[in-house]
C-alpha atoms as a PDB file:
ATOM      1  CA  SER A   1      -2.133 -11.429   0.582  1.00  0.00           C
ATOM      2  CA  MET A   2       1.150 -11.792   2.397  1.00  0.00           C
ATOM      3  CA  TYR A   3       1.274  -8.150   3.475  1.00  0.00           C
ATOM      4  CA  GLN A   4      -2.410  -7.933   4.568  1.00  0.00           C
ATOM      5  CA  ILE A   5      -2.532  -4.337   3.337  1.00  0.00           C
ATOM      6  CA  LYS A   6      -6.332  -3.938   3.581  1.00  0.00           C
ATOM      7  CA  ASP A   7      -6.571  -5.328   7.121  1.00  0.00           C
ATOM      8  CA  ARG A   8      -3.701  -3.175   8.292  1.00  0.00           C
ATOM      9  CA  LEU A   9      -5.153  -0.028   6.706  1.00  0.00           C
ATOM     10  CA  LYS A  10      -8.470  -0.729   8.449  1.00  0.00           C
ATOM     11  CA  LYS A  11      -6.748  -1.161  11.833  1.00  0.00           C
ATOM     12  CA  LEU A  12      -4.931   2.141  11.333  1.00  0.00           C
ATOM     13  CA  GLY A  13      -8.145   3.857  10.216  1.00  0.00           C
ATOM     14  CA  GLU A  14      -6.492   4.811   6.939  1.00  0.00           C
ATOM     15  CA  THR A  15      -7.570   4.534   3.298  1.00  0.00           C
ATOM     16  CA  GLN A  16      -6.026   3.452   0.020  1.00  0.00           C
ATOM     17  CA  VAL A  17      -6.006   7.149  -0.915  1.00  0.00           C
ATOM     18  CA  TRP A  18      -3.799   7.828   2.133  1.00  0.00           C
ATOM     19  CA  LEU A  19      -1.515   5.011   1.037  1.00  0.00           C
ATOM     20  CA  ILE A  20      -1.334   6.398  -2.522  1.00  0.00           C
ATOM     21  CA  PHE A  21      -0.336   9.772  -1.051  1.00  0.00           C
ATOM     22  CA  GLN A  22       2.368   8.107   1.070  1.00  0.00           C
ATOM     23  CA  LEU A  23       3.700   6.316  -2.036  1.00  0.00           C
ATOM     24  CA  ARG A  24       3.737   9.615  -3.932  1.00  0.00           C
ATOM     25  CA  GLU A  25       5.849  11.139  -1.121  1.00  0.00           C
ATOM     26  CA  ARG A  26       8.335   8.348  -1.830  1.00  0.00           C
ATOM     27  CA  GLY A  27       8.352   9.028  -5.568  1.00  0.00           C
ATOM     28  CA  ILE A  28       5.948   6.254  -6.622  1.00  0.00           C
ATOM     29  CA  GLU A  29       3.032   7.563  -8.697  1.00  0.00           C
ATOM     30  CA  ILE A  30       0.136   5.127  -8.849  1.00  0.00           C
ATOM     31  CA  GLN A  31      -3.498   5.519  -9.913  1.00  0.00           C
ATOM     32  CA  PRO A  32      -6.307   4.334  -7.599  1.00  0.00           C
ATOM     33  CA  PRO A  33      -7.634   1.567  -9.914  1.00  0.00           C
ATOM     34  CA  LEU A  34      -4.152   0.068 -10.264  1.00  0.00           C
ATOM     35  CA  MET A  35      -3.597   0.403  -6.518  1.00  0.00           C
ATOM     36  CA  SER A  36      -6.762  -1.614  -5.867  1.00  0.00           C
ATOM     37  CA  SER A  37      -5.651  -4.295  -8.322  1.00  0.00           C
ATOM     38  CA  ILE A  38      -2.263  -4.571  -6.623  1.00  0.00           C
ATOM     39  CA  ILE A  39      -3.719  -4.708  -3.101  1.00  0.00           C
ATOM     40  CA  ASN A  40      -6.290  -7.296  -4.197  1.00  0.00           C
ATOM     41  CA  GLY A  41      -3.589  -9.432  -5.795  1.00  0.00           C
ATOM     42  CA  VAL A  42      -5.069  -9.079  -9.291  1.00  0.00           C
ATOM     43  CA  TYR A  43      -1.958  -7.360 -10.607  1.00  0.00           C
ATOM     44  CA  THR A  44       1.202  -9.335  -9.884  1.00  0.00           C
ATOM     45  CA  TYR A  45       3.735  -7.932 -12.343  1.00  0.00           C
ATOM     46  CA  PRO A  46       7.206  -7.171 -10.872  1.00  0.00           C
ATOM     47  CA  GLN A  47       6.484  -3.495 -10.126  1.00  0.00           C
ATOM     48  CA  ALA A  48       3.501  -4.616  -8.036  1.00  0.00           C
ATOM     49  CA  GLN A  49       5.834  -6.521  -5.708  1.00  0.00           C
ATOM     50  CA  ARG A  50       7.922  -3.384  -5.254  1.00  0.00           C
ATOM     51  CA  VAL A  51       4.812  -1.312  -4.552  1.00  0.00           C
ATOM     52  CA  LEU A  52       3.610  -3.875  -1.984  1.00  0.00           C
ATOM     53  CA  LYS A  53       6.991  -3.886  -0.287  1.00  0.00           C
ATOM     54  CA  VAL A  54       6.949  -0.089   0.028  1.00  0.00           C
ATOM     55  CA  CYS A  55       3.325  -0.205   1.250  1.00  0.00           C
ATOM     56  CA  ASP A  56       4.476  -2.690   3.891  1.00  0.00           C
ATOM     57  CA  GLU A  57       7.237  -0.281   4.965  1.00  0.00           C
ATOM     58  CA  ILE A  58       4.774   2.647   5.116  1.00  0.00           C
ATOM     59  CA  LEU A  59       2.299   0.622   7.188  1.00  0.00           C
ATOM     60  CA  THR A  60       5.004  -0.693   9.509  1.00  0.00           C
ATOM     61  CA  GLU A  61       6.126   2.895  10.143  1.00  0.00           C
ATOM     62  CA  ALA A  62       2.549   4.013  10.824  1.00  0.00           C
ATOM     63  CA  GLU A  63       1.966   1.040  13.136  1.00  0.00           C
ATOM     64  CA  THR A  64       5.090   1.719  15.186  1.00  0.00           C
ATOM     65  CA  ASP A  65       4.458   5.503  15.288  1.00  0.00           C
ATOM     66  CA  GLY A  66       1.257   5.059  17.293  1.00  0.00           C
END
């Protein structure tokens, strides 16, 4: 996928659960099965693009924090 969420999580040593928690902090409630579908590119409805964009922002922050 264009954001490479899974690879980036692995490099950071973080999990999808961590990412879900980060999304929740930003007011986006998402269930783990749906999160997996979005990250794996199975779910591509418009809200998924928004979720991916926010995930990208979260990961970018985490990457630059180190």
